[in-house]
Amino acid sequence: MLQLMDHAIADRLRFFYSFLRSPRTVGSVTPSSRFLARAMLKEVDWARTEIVVELGAGTGVFTEGIKKLARSGAKKMIFEKDLHLRERLIRRFPDFIIGDNACELIPSLADNGIEPGQVDVILSGLPFAVLPQPLRDQILTGVYRALKPDGIFITFQYSLQMRKQLLDRFHTVDLSFVPFNLPPAFVYHCRKKG
């Protein structure tokens, strides 16, 4: 039990230091809560998911859930820009494909034998609200291209700022609120038209 607490504290400190180094790419002072992770992961049909991608994996809160829920044989790919966090993810999740730049989603998928339109699920912890609009557009275009018809994109934000942009791009956008997170968060479940 003590070892788990030490692990959680170490992850929080790592995340906080990453935030101090680069607040525009980390976006929060603390990792996501287990409540937010549950809200992000619960709508996925894991039995049918063949390819899952996570953008902005941070300390691996959602990644841990993916590891537990994804079926055997599913391709799992994560992206994390922060070098220190990424190196830790490489050690913790050796069976995941790990990339460094969500802006390079399509080329990174292609490098790993995944064509546009084949990804079932993309989860994102990226802080879209603090990203410049052109970068936001580039990432969302890559996400949309990567998803198969009826594929889902799940992201969270601390405001409703992204709602219109997601509604303009996706066939359906469902919203839920997670109060037990620091800060509280909105979860967007977006579906590409089938």
N, C-alpha and C. Protein backbone atom coordinates (compact mmCIF):
# COMPACT_ATOMS: atom_id res chain seq x y z
N MET A 1 0.83 -1.19 0.00
CA MET A 1 0.00 0.00 0.00
C MET A 1 0.87 1.26 0.00
N LEU A 2 1.90 1.26 0.85
CA LEU A 2 2.79 2.40 0.92
C LEU A 2 3.50 2.63 -0.41
N GLN A 3 3.87 1.54 -1.08
CA GLN A 3 4.55 1.66 -2.36
C GLN A 3 3.63 2.31 -3.41
N LEU A 4 2.34 1.95 -3.40
CA LEU A 4 1.38 2.57 -4.30
C LEU A 4 1.24 4.06 -4.02
N MET A 5 1.23 4.44 -2.73
CA MET A 5 1.14 5.85 -2.37
C MET A 5 2.39 6.59 -2.84
N ASP A 6 3.56 5.99 -2.65
CA ASP A 6 4.80 6.61 -3.11
C ASP A 6 4.78 6.81 -4.62
N HIS A 7 4.26 5.81 -5.34
CA HIS A 7 4.16 5.88 -6.80
C HIS A 7 3.25 7.04 -7.21
N ALA A 8 2.09 7.17 -6.54
CA ALA A 8 1.14 8.23 -6.85
C ALA A 8 1.74 9.61 -6.55
N ILE A 9 2.42 9.72 -5.43
CA ILE A 9 3.05 11.00 -5.06
C ILE A 9 4.15 11.35 -6.06
N ALA A 10 4.95 10.38 -6.42
CA ALA A 10 6.03 10.62 -7.40
C ALA A 10 5.45 11.06 -8.74
N ASP A 11 4.35 10.42 -9.16
CA ASP A 11 3.71 10.82 -10.42
C ASP A 11 3.19 12.25 -10.35
N ARG A 12 2.59 12.61 -9.23
CA ARG A 12 2.08 13.98 -9.07
C ARG A 12 3.22 15.00 -9.12
N LEU A 13 4.33 14.68 -8.47
CA LEU A 13 5.48 15.59 -8.50
C LEU A 13 6.07 15.70 -9.90
N ARG A 14 6.22 14.57 -10.58
CA ARG A 14 6.72 14.59 -11.96
C ARG A 14 5.83 15.47 -12.84
N PHE A 15 4.53 15.27 -12.70
CA PHE A 15 3.57 16.02 -13.50
C PHE A 15 3.68 17.51 -13.19
N PHE A 16 3.76 17.85 -11.90
CA PHE A 16 3.87 19.25 -11.48
C PHE A 16 5.14 19.90 -12.06
N TYR A 17 6.26 19.19 -11.98
CA TYR A 17 7.51 19.73 -12.54
C TYR A 17 7.40 19.89 -14.06
N SER A 18 6.72 18.97 -14.71
CA SER A 18 6.51 19.10 -16.15
C SER A 18 5.66 20.33 -16.45
N PHE A 19 4.66 20.57 -15.62
CA PHE A 19 3.83 21.76 -15.79
C PHE A 19 4.67 23.02 -15.64
N LEU A 20 5.54 23.06 -14.63
CA LEU A 20 6.39 24.23 -14.41
C LEU A 20 7.32 24.47 -15.60
N ARG A 21 7.84 23.39 -16.19
CA ARG A 21 8.73 23.51 -17.34
C ARG A 21 7.98 23.99 -18.58
N SER A 22 6.74 23.54 -18.74
CA SER A 22 6.02 23.83 -19.98
C SER A 22 4.51 23.86 -19.76
N PRO A 23 3.99 24.93 -19.16
CA PRO A 23 2.56 24.98 -18.84
C PRO A 23 1.65 24.95 -20.07
N ARG A 24 2.13 25.39 -21.22
CA ARG A 24 1.29 25.38 -22.42
C ARG A 24 1.13 23.99 -23.02
N THR A 25 2.02 23.08 -22.72
CA THR A 25 1.86 21.73 -23.26
C THR A 25 1.34 20.75 -22.22
N VAL A 26 1.53 21.04 -20.93
CA VAL A 26 1.03 20.14 -19.89
C VAL A 26 -0.40 20.52 -19.51
N GLY A 27 -0.67 21.80 -19.27
CA GLY A 27 -2.04 22.28 -19.13
C GLY A 27 -2.69 22.15 -17.76
N SER A 28 -2.09 21.45 -16.80
CA SER A 28 -2.65 21.30 -15.46
C SER A 28 -1.51 21.07 -14.48
N VAL A 29 -1.76 21.36 -13.21
CA VAL A 29 -0.72 21.17 -12.21
C VAL A 29 -0.73 19.77 -11.61
N THR A 30 -1.77 19.00 -11.88
CA THR A 30 -1.89 17.67 -11.30
C THR A 30 -2.46 16.68 -12.32
N PRO A 31 -2.09 15.42 -12.23
CA PRO A 31 -2.64 14.42 -13.16
C PRO A 31 -4.15 14.26 -12.98
N SER A 32 -4.79 13.68 -13.95
CA SER A 32 -6.24 13.43 -13.90
C SER A 32 -6.59 12.47 -12.77
N SER A 33 -7.78 12.65 -12.22
CA SER A 33 -8.25 11.78 -11.14
C SER A 33 -8.77 10.45 -11.68
N ARG A 34 -8.96 9.49 -10.79
CA ARG A 34 -9.53 8.20 -11.21
C ARG A 34 -10.97 8.37 -11.68
N PHE A 35 -11.66 9.39 -11.17
CA PHE A 35 -13.03 9.66 -11.59
C PHE A 35 -13.06 10.14 -13.05
N LEU A 36 -12.11 11.00 -13.38
CA LEU A 36 -12.02 11.46 -14.77
C LEU A 36 -11.61 10.31 -15.68
N ALA A 37 -10.67 9.49 -15.23
CA ALA A 37 -10.25 8.33 -16.03
C ALA A 37 -11.44 7.42 -16.30
N ARG A 38 -12.24 7.17 -15.29
CA ARG A 38 -13.42 6.31 -15.46
C ARG A 38 -14.38 6.91 -16.49
N ALA A 39 -14.62 8.23 -16.41
CA ALA A 39 -15.52 8.89 -17.36
C ALA A 39 -14.97 8.85 -18.78
N MET A 40 -13.66 8.93 -18.92
CA MET A 40 -13.04 8.89 -20.25
C MET A 40 -13.11 7.50 -20.87
N LEU A 41 -13.03 6.47 -20.06
CA LEU A 41 -12.88 5.10 -20.56
C LEU A 41 -14.18 4.31 -20.62
N LYS A 42 -15.22 4.74 -19.91
CA LYS A 42 -16.40 3.89 -19.74
C LYS A 42 -17.26 3.73 -20.99
N GLU A 43 -17.24 4.66 -21.92
CA GLU A 43 -18.10 4.58 -23.10
C GLU A 43 -17.49 3.78 -24.25
N VAL A 44 -16.29 3.30 -24.07
CA VAL A 44 -15.60 2.57 -25.14
C VAL A 44 -16.04 1.10 -25.13
N ASP A 45 -16.34 0.58 -26.31
CA ASP A 45 -16.64 -0.85 -26.45
C ASP A 45 -15.30 -1.57 -26.61
N TRP A 46 -14.69 -1.91 -25.50
CA TRP A 46 -13.33 -2.46 -25.51
C TRP A 46 -13.25 -3.81 -26.20
N ALA A 47 -14.33 -4.58 -26.20
CA ALA A 47 -14.32 -5.90 -26.85
C ALA A 47 -14.18 -5.78 -28.36
N ARG A 48 -14.59 -4.64 -28.92
CA ARG A 48 -14.52 -4.44 -30.38
C ARG A 48 -13.40 -3.50 -30.80
N THR A 49 -12.72 -2.94 -29.85
CA THR A 49 -11.67 -1.97 -30.17
C THR A 49 -10.40 -2.69 -30.61
N GLU A 50 -10.00 -2.44 -31.85
CA GLU A 50 -8.78 -3.05 -32.39
C GLU A 50 -7.58 -2.11 -32.32
N ILE A 51 -7.86 -0.80 -32.48
CA ILE A 51 -6.78 0.19 -32.45
C ILE A 51 -7.22 1.36 -31.57
N VAL A 52 -6.42 1.65 -30.54
CA VAL A 52 -6.71 2.77 -29.65
C VAL A 52 -5.47 3.65 -29.55
N VAL A 53 -5.69 4.96 -29.56
CA VAL A 53 -4.61 5.94 -29.50
C VAL A 53 -4.92 6.90 -28.35
N GLU A 54 -3.88 7.28 -27.62
CA GLU A 54 -4.02 8.29 -26.58
C GLU A 54 -3.07 9.44 -26.87
N LEU A 55 -3.59 10.66 -26.85
CA LEU A 55 -2.79 11.87 -27.07
C LEU A 55 -2.59 12.57 -25.73
N GLY A 56 -1.35 12.94 -25.43
CA GLY A 56 -1.07 13.62 -24.16
C GLY A 56 -1.22 12.69 -22.98
N ALA A 57 -0.44 11.62 -22.96
CA ALA A 57 -0.60 10.56 -21.96
C ALA A 57 -0.15 10.97 -20.55
N GLY A 58 0.68 11.99 -20.43
CA GLY A 58 1.09 12.46 -19.10
C GLY A 58 1.75 11.38 -18.28
N THR A 59 1.23 11.14 -17.08
CA THR A 59 1.80 10.12 -16.19
C THR A 59 1.21 8.73 -16.44
N GLY A 60 0.24 8.64 -17.35
CA GLY A 60 -0.30 7.33 -17.70
C GLY A 60 -1.58 6.95 -16.98
N VAL A 61 -2.33 7.93 -16.47
CA VAL A 61 -3.58 7.63 -15.77
C VAL A 61 -4.56 6.91 -16.70
N PHE A 62 -4.78 7.47 -17.90
CA PHE A 62 -5.68 6.82 -18.86
C PHE A 62 -5.01 5.59 -19.47
N THR A 63 -3.70 5.67 -19.66
CA THR A 63 -2.95 4.57 -20.26
C THR A 63 -3.09 3.30 -19.42
N GLU A 64 -3.06 3.47 -18.11
CA GLU A 64 -3.24 2.32 -17.21
C GLU A 64 -4.60 1.68 -17.43
N GLY A 65 -5.62 2.52 -17.60
CA GLY A 65 -6.96 2.00 -17.88
C GLY A 65 -7.03 1.29 -19.22
N ILE A 66 -6.37 1.86 -20.23
CA ILE A 66 -6.33 1.21 -21.55
C ILE A 66 -5.67 -0.16 -21.43
N LYS A 67 -4.57 -0.21 -20.69
CA LYS A 67 -3.85 -1.48 -20.52
C LYS A 67 -4.76 -2.54 -19.91
N LYS A 68 -5.56 -2.15 -18.93
CA LYS A 68 -6.44 -3.11 -18.25
C LYS A 68 -7.65 -3.50 -19.10
N LEU A 69 -8.17 -2.56 -19.89
CA LEU A 69 -9.44 -2.79 -20.58
C LEU A 69 -9.31 -3.28 -22.02
N ALA A 70 -8.22 -2.91 -22.69
CA ALA A 70 -8.07 -3.29 -24.11
C ALA A 70 -7.93 -4.80 -24.24
N ARG A 71 -8.54 -5.32 -25.28
CA ARG A 71 -8.49 -6.77 -25.49
C ARG A 71 -7.10 -7.18 -25.95
N SER A 72 -6.79 -8.42 -25.76
CA SER A 72 -5.50 -8.96 -26.20
C SER A 72 -5.41 -8.82 -27.72
N GLY A 73 -4.29 -8.36 -28.19
CA GLY A 73 -4.09 -8.21 -29.63
C GLY A 73 -4.44 -6.84 -30.16
N ALA A 74 -5.08 -6.00 -29.35
CA ALA A 74 -5.40 -4.64 -29.80
C ALA A 74 -4.10 -3.84 -29.92
N LYS A 75 -4.03 -2.99 -30.95
CA LYS A 75 -2.88 -2.09 -31.08
C LYS A 75 -3.12 -0.88 -30.18
N LYS A 76 -2.11 -0.53 -29.40
CA LYS A 76 -2.22 0.58 -28.45
C LYS A 76 -1.07 1.55 -28.70
N MET A 77 -1.42 2.80 -28.97
CA MET A 77 -0.40 3.80 -29.27
C MET A 77 -0.67 5.04 -28.42
N ILE A 78 0.40 5.58 -27.82
CA ILE A 78 0.26 6.79 -27.02
C ILE A 78 1.28 7.83 -27.46
N PHE A 79 0.92 9.09 -27.23
CA PHE A 79 1.79 10.21 -27.55
C PHE A 79 1.99 11.05 -26.29
N GLU A 80 3.23 11.44 -26.05
CA GLU A 80 3.54 12.36 -24.95
C GLU A 80 4.74 13.19 -25.36
N LYS A 81 4.57 14.50 -25.37
CA LYS A 81 5.62 15.41 -25.83
C LYS A 81 6.73 15.60 -24.79
N ASP A 82 6.37 15.65 -23.51
CA ASP A 82 7.34 15.87 -22.44
C ASP A 82 8.29 14.67 -22.34
N LEU A 83 9.57 14.91 -22.53
CA LEU A 83 10.57 13.85 -22.58
C LEU A 83 10.61 13.02 -21.29
N HIS A 84 10.58 13.68 -20.14
CA HIS A 84 10.67 12.96 -18.86
C HIS A 84 9.46 12.05 -18.65
N LEU A 85 8.28 12.58 -18.95
CA LEU A 85 7.07 11.76 -18.82
C LEU A 85 7.07 10.62 -19.84
N ARG A 86 7.51 10.92 -21.06
CA ARG A 86 7.54 9.90 -22.12
C ARG A 86 8.49 8.76 -21.76
N GLU A 87 9.67 9.09 -21.22
CA GLU A 87 10.63 8.04 -20.84
C GLU A 87 10.03 7.12 -19.78
N ARG A 88 9.30 7.70 -18.86
CA ARG A 88 8.64 6.88 -17.82
C ARG A 88 7.55 6.00 -18.44
N LEU A 89 6.80 6.55 -19.38
CA LEU A 89 5.76 5.76 -20.07
C LEU A 89 6.36 4.59 -20.84
N ILE A 90 7.51 4.82 -21.46
CA ILE A 90 8.19 3.75 -22.20
C ILE A 90 8.52 2.59 -21.27
N ARG A 91 8.99 2.92 -20.06
CA ARG A 91 9.32 1.86 -19.08
C ARG A 91 8.07 1.17 -18.55
N ARG A 92 7.02 1.94 -18.29
CA ARG A 92 5.80 1.37 -17.68
C ARG A 92 4.93 0.59 -18.66
N PHE A 93 4.98 0.96 -19.94
CA PHE A 93 4.07 0.36 -20.93
C PHE A 93 4.86 -0.13 -22.14
N PRO A 94 5.69 -1.14 -21.96
CA PRO A 94 6.56 -1.60 -23.06
C PRO A 94 5.80 -2.19 -24.25
N ASP A 95 4.55 -2.60 -24.05
CA ASP A 95 3.79 -3.17 -25.17
C ASP A 95 3.00 -2.12 -25.94
N PHE A 96 3.14 -0.86 -25.58
CA PHE A 96 2.49 0.24 -26.29
C PHE A 96 3.48 0.85 -27.29
N ILE A 97 2.96 1.30 -28.42
CA ILE A 97 3.76 2.10 -29.36
C ILE A 97 3.73 3.52 -28.81
N ILE A 98 4.90 4.15 -28.68
CA ILE A 98 4.94 5.47 -28.04
C ILE A 98 5.57 6.49 -28.98
N GLY A 99 4.80 7.56 -29.22
CA GLY A 99 5.25 8.66 -30.06
C GLY A 99 5.38 9.92 -29.23
N ASP A 100 5.97 10.95 -29.83
CA ASP A 100 6.23 12.17 -29.07
C ASP A 100 5.40 13.38 -29.48
N ASN A 101 4.77 13.36 -30.65
CA ASN A 101 4.14 14.58 -31.12
C ASN A 101 2.77 14.28 -31.73
N ALA A 102 1.72 14.70 -31.05
CA ALA A 102 0.36 14.46 -31.54
C ALA A 102 0.10 15.14 -32.87
N CYS A 103 0.88 16.17 -33.20
CA CYS A 103 0.74 16.83 -34.51
C CYS A 103 1.15 15.90 -35.65
N GLU A 104 1.93 14.90 -35.33
CA GLU A 104 2.41 13.93 -36.32
C GLU A 104 1.61 12.63 -36.25
N LEU A 105 0.36 12.71 -35.86
CA LEU A 105 -0.46 11.51 -35.67
C LEU A 105 -0.52 10.65 -36.92
N ILE A 106 -0.89 11.22 -38.05
CA ILE A 106 -1.07 10.43 -39.28
C ILE A 106 0.25 9.79 -39.73
N PRO A 107 1.36 10.54 -39.82
CA PRO A 107 2.63 9.89 -40.19
C PRO A 107 3.08 8.83 -39.19
N SER A 108 2.86 9.08 -37.89
CA SER A 108 3.25 8.09 -36.88
C SER A 108 2.43 6.82 -37.00
N LEU A 109 1.14 6.96 -37.27
CA LEU A 109 0.30 5.78 -37.49
C LEU A 109 0.80 5.01 -38.71
N ALA A 110 1.08 5.74 -39.80
CA ALA A 110 1.55 5.10 -41.04
C ALA A 110 2.87 4.36 -40.80
N ASP A 111 3.76 4.95 -40.01
CA ASP A 111 5.04 4.29 -39.68
C ASP A 111 4.82 2.97 -38.96
N ASN A 112 3.65 2.80 -38.36
CA ASN A 112 3.34 1.58 -37.61
C ASN A 112 2.27 0.73 -38.30
N GLY A 113 2.11 0.95 -39.61
CA GLY A 113 1.21 0.12 -40.40
C GLY A 113 -0.26 0.40 -40.22
N ILE A 114 -0.60 1.59 -39.74
CA ILE A 114 -2.00 1.97 -39.53
C ILE A 114 -2.35 3.10 -40.50
N GLU A 115 -3.31 2.84 -41.35
CA GLU A 115 -3.73 3.83 -42.35
C GLU A 115 -4.78 4.78 -41.77
N PRO A 116 -4.92 5.98 -42.36
CA PRO A 116 -6.02 6.86 -41.94
C PRO A 116 -7.36 6.14 -42.09
N GLY A 117 -8.24 6.38 -41.15
CA GLY A 117 -9.56 5.76 -41.19
C GLY A 117 -9.63 4.37 -40.58
N GLN A 118 -8.60 3.97 -39.82
CA GLN A 118 -8.59 2.64 -39.21
C GLN A 118 -8.69 2.65 -37.68
N VAL A 119 -8.53 3.79 -37.05
CA VAL A 119 -8.48 3.86 -35.59
C VAL A 119 -9.90 3.85 -35.01
N ASP A 120 -10.13 2.99 -34.03
CA ASP A 120 -11.44 2.87 -33.38
C ASP A 120 -11.69 3.99 -32.38
N VAL A 121 -10.67 4.27 -31.55
CA VAL A 121 -10.84 5.20 -30.43
C VAL A 121 -9.58 6.05 -30.29
N ILE A 122 -9.79 7.35 -30.09
CA ILE A 122 -8.69 8.25 -29.73
C ILE A 122 -9.12 8.97 -28.46
N LEU A 123 -8.29 8.85 -27.43
CA LEU A 123 -8.50 9.56 -26.16
C LEU A 123 -7.48 10.69 -26.10
N SER A 124 -7.87 11.82 -25.53
CA SER A 124 -6.94 12.94 -25.47
C SER A 124 -6.96 13.64 -24.12
N GLY A 125 -5.77 13.89 -23.61
CA GLY A 125 -5.58 14.72 -22.44
C GLY A 125 -4.90 16.03 -22.81
N LEU A 126 -4.89 16.36 -24.10
CA LEU A 126 -4.22 17.58 -24.55
C LEU A 126 -4.98 18.82 -24.07
N PRO A 127 -4.26 19.86 -23.66
CA PRO A 127 -4.90 21.09 -23.19
C PRO A 127 -5.28 22.01 -24.35
N PHE A 128 -6.31 21.64 -25.11
CA PHE A 128 -6.69 22.40 -26.30
C PHE A 128 -6.91 23.88 -26.02
N ALA A 129 -7.44 24.22 -24.86
CA ALA A 129 -7.76 25.61 -24.54
C ALA A 129 -6.54 26.53 -24.58
N VAL A 130 -5.36 26.00 -24.30
CA VAL A 130 -4.16 26.85 -24.29
C VAL A 130 -3.33 26.71 -25.56
N LEU A 131 -3.76 25.85 -26.48
CA LEU A 131 -3.02 25.68 -27.73
C LEU A 131 -3.46 26.74 -28.73
N PRO A 132 -2.53 27.25 -29.55
CA PRO A 132 -2.92 28.19 -30.61
C PRO A 132 -3.90 27.51 -31.57
N GLN A 133 -4.83 28.30 -32.11
CA GLN A 133 -5.87 27.76 -32.98
C GLN A 133 -5.32 26.93 -34.15
N PRO A 134 -4.26 27.38 -34.85
CA PRO A 134 -3.75 26.56 -35.95
C PRO A 134 -3.27 25.17 -35.49
N LEU A 135 -2.67 25.10 -34.32
CA LEU A 135 -2.21 23.82 -33.78
C LEU A 135 -3.40 22.95 -33.40
N ARG A 136 -4.40 23.55 -32.78
CA ARG A 136 -5.64 22.86 -32.45
C ARG A 136 -6.27 22.24 -33.70
N ASP A 137 -6.37 23.07 -34.75
CA ASP A 137 -6.95 22.61 -36.01
C ASP A 137 -6.16 21.45 -36.60
N GLN A 138 -4.84 21.56 -36.56
CA GLN A 138 -3.98 20.51 -37.11
C GLN A 138 -4.19 19.19 -36.37
N ILE A 139 -4.24 19.25 -35.07
CA ILE A 139 -4.43 18.02 -34.28
C ILE A 139 -5.81 17.43 -34.53
N LEU A 140 -6.85 18.27 -34.51
CA LEU A 140 -8.20 17.76 -34.72
C LEU A 140 -8.41 17.21 -36.13
N THR A 141 -7.75 17.81 -37.11
CA THR A 141 -7.82 17.27 -38.47
C THR A 141 -7.18 15.89 -38.51
N GLY A 142 -6.04 15.73 -37.86
CA GLY A 142 -5.39 14.43 -37.79
C GLY A 142 -6.24 13.40 -37.08
N VAL A 143 -6.88 13.81 -35.99
CA VAL A 143 -7.76 12.91 -35.23
C VAL A 143 -8.90 12.44 -36.13
N TYR A 144 -9.55 13.38 -36.80
CA TYR A 144 -10.70 13.02 -37.65
C TYR A 144 -10.27 12.09 -38.78
N ARG A 145 -9.15 12.38 -39.41
CA ARG A 145 -8.66 11.52 -40.50
C ARG A 145 -8.29 10.13 -40.00
N ALA A 146 -7.74 10.05 -38.80
CA ALA A 146 -7.29 8.76 -38.26
C ALA A 146 -8.45 7.84 -37.91
N LEU A 147 -9.57 8.42 -37.46
CA LEU A 147 -10.70 7.62 -37.00
C LEU A 147 -11.41 6.91 -38.14
N LYS A 148 -11.86 5.70 -37.88
CA LYS A 148 -12.69 4.98 -38.84
C LYS A 148 -14.11 5.56 -38.77
N PRO A 149 -14.96 5.27 -39.76
CA PRO A 149 -16.35 5.70 -39.65
C PRO A 149 -16.97 5.14 -38.36
N ASP A 150 -17.69 5.95 -37.65
CA ASP A 150 -18.26 5.63 -36.34
C ASP A 150 -17.21 5.55 -35.23
N GLY A 151 -15.95 5.90 -35.54
CA GLY A 151 -14.92 5.94 -34.51
C GLY A 151 -15.21 7.04 -33.51
N ILE A 152 -14.63 6.91 -32.31
CA ILE A 152 -14.91 7.92 -31.29
C ILE A 152 -13.64 8.62 -30.82
N PHE A 153 -13.82 9.90 -30.55
CA PHE A 153 -12.78 10.76 -29.99
C PHE A 153 -13.29 11.22 -28.64
N ILE A 154 -12.52 10.95 -27.59
CA ILE A 154 -12.92 11.34 -26.24
C ILE A 154 -11.83 12.25 -25.68
N THR A 155 -12.24 13.44 -25.27
CA THR A 155 -11.29 14.38 -24.70
C THR A 155 -11.93 15.06 -23.50
N PHE A 156 -11.11 15.65 -22.66
CA PHE A 156 -11.65 16.44 -21.55
C PHE A 156 -11.03 17.82 -21.60
N GLN A 157 -11.77 18.78 -21.08
CA GLN A 157 -11.32 20.15 -20.98
C GLN A 157 -11.88 20.72 -19.69
N TYR A 158 -11.34 21.85 -19.27
CA TYR A 158 -11.80 22.47 -18.03
C TYR A 158 -12.85 23.55 -18.27
N SER A 159 -13.24 23.72 -19.53
CA SER A 159 -14.28 24.69 -19.88
C SER A 159 -15.05 24.14 -21.08
N LEU A 160 -16.05 24.91 -21.51
CA LEU A 160 -16.85 24.52 -22.68
C LEU A 160 -16.32 25.16 -23.96
N GLN A 161 -15.14 25.74 -23.90
CA GLN A 161 -14.57 26.47 -25.03
C GLN A 161 -14.49 25.65 -26.31
N MET A 162 -14.24 24.36 -26.22
CA MET A 162 -14.05 23.51 -27.41
C MET A 162 -15.36 22.98 -27.98
N ARG A 163 -16.46 23.18 -27.31
CA ARG A 163 -17.73 22.55 -27.70
C ARG A 163 -18.11 22.87 -29.15
N LYS A 164 -18.12 24.14 -29.52
CA LYS A 164 -18.52 24.52 -30.88
C LYS A 164 -17.59 23.91 -31.92
N GLN A 165 -16.30 23.98 -31.68
CA GLN A 165 -15.34 23.44 -32.64
C GLN A 165 -15.54 21.93 -32.82
N LEU A 166 -15.83 21.22 -31.75
CA LEU A 166 -16.06 19.78 -31.85
C LEU A 166 -17.39 19.48 -32.53
N LEU A 167 -18.43 20.27 -32.23
CA LEU A 167 -19.73 20.10 -32.89
C LEU A 167 -19.63 20.35 -34.39
N ASP A 168 -18.80 21.31 -34.79
CA ASP A 168 -18.62 21.60 -36.22
C ASP A 168 -17.93 20.46 -36.96
N ARG A 169 -17.16 19.66 -36.25
CA ARG A 169 -16.33 18.64 -36.89
C ARG A 169 -16.93 17.23 -36.81
N PHE A 170 -17.58 16.91 -35.71
CA PHE A 170 -18.04 15.54 -35.48
C PHE A 170 -19.55 15.41 -35.63
N HIS A 171 -19.99 14.18 -35.95
CA HIS A 171 -21.41 13.89 -36.17
C HIS A 171 -22.21 14.08 -34.88
N THR A 172 -21.72 13.54 -33.79
CA THR A 172 -22.37 13.75 -32.49
C THR A 172 -21.31 14.10 -31.45
N VAL A 173 -21.71 14.94 -30.51
CA VAL A 173 -20.84 15.30 -29.38
C VAL A 173 -21.69 15.25 -28.12
N ASP A 174 -21.38 14.30 -27.24
CA ASP A 174 -22.06 14.20 -25.95
C ASP A 174 -21.13 14.73 -24.87
N LEU A 175 -21.71 15.40 -23.91
CA LEU A 175 -20.93 16.08 -22.88
C LEU A 175 -21.31 15.55 -21.50
N SER A 176 -20.31 15.32 -20.67
CA SER A 176 -20.57 14.97 -19.27
C SER A 176 -19.63 15.81 -18.39
N PHE A 177 -19.97 15.91 -17.13
CA PHE A 177 -19.20 16.73 -16.19
C PHE A 177 -18.66 15.85 -15.08
N VAL A 178 -17.38 16.05 -14.76
CA VAL A 178 -16.73 15.28 -13.69
C VAL A 178 -16.30 16.27 -12.61
N PRO A 179 -17.08 16.37 -11.51
CA PRO A 179 -16.73 17.33 -10.46
C PRO A 179 -15.54 16.89 -9.61
N PHE A 180 -15.29 15.58 -9.54
CA PHE A 180 -14.22 15.07 -8.68
C PHE A 180 -12.91 14.95 -9.45
N ASN A 181 -12.41 16.10 -9.85
CA ASN A 181 -11.13 16.22 -10.52
C ASN A 181 -10.61 17.60 -10.16
N LEU A 182 -9.31 17.80 -10.21
CA LEU A 182 -8.74 19.10 -9.90
C LEU A 182 -8.07 19.66 -11.14
N PRO A 183 -8.63 20.70 -11.77
CA PRO A 183 -9.97 21.24 -11.55
C PRO A 183 -11.05 20.32 -12.13
N PRO A 184 -12.34 20.56 -11.78
CA PRO A 184 -13.42 19.78 -12.39
C PRO A 184 -13.34 19.87 -13.92
N ALA A 185 -13.82 18.83 -14.59
CA ALA A 185 -13.62 18.74 -16.04
C ALA A 185 -14.89 18.35 -16.79
N PHE A 186 -14.94 18.78 -18.05
CA PHE A 186 -15.99 18.37 -18.98
C PHE A 186 -15.39 17.30 -19.89
N VAL A 187 -16.13 16.21 -20.08
CA VAL A 187 -15.69 15.14 -20.97
C VAL A 187 -16.54 15.19 -22.22
N TYR A 188 -15.88 15.24 -23.37
CA TYR A 188 -16.55 15.27 -24.68
C TYR A 188 -16.41 13.90 -25.33
N HIS A 189 -17.54 13.25 -25.65
CA HIS A 189 -17.55 12.00 -26.41
C HIS A 189 -18.00 12.35 -27.82
N CYS A 190 -17.09 12.32 -28.76
CA CYS A 190 -17.36 12.74 -30.14
C CYS A 190 -17.33 11.53 -31.07
N ARG A 191 -18.32 11.45 -31.95
CA ARG A 191 -18.37 10.32 -32.88
C ARG A 191 -18.28 10.82 -34.32
N LYS A 192 -17.41 10.17 -35.09
CA LYS A 192 -17.28 10.46 -36.52
C LYS A 192 -18.46 9.82 -37.24
N LYS A 193 -18.95 10.49 -38.25
CA LYS A 193 -20.09 9.96 -39.01
C LYS A 193 -19.72 8.63 -39.65
N GLY A 194 -20.68 7.68 -39.59
CA GLY A 194 -20.46 6.33 -40.13
C GLY A 194 -20.66 6.23 -41.62
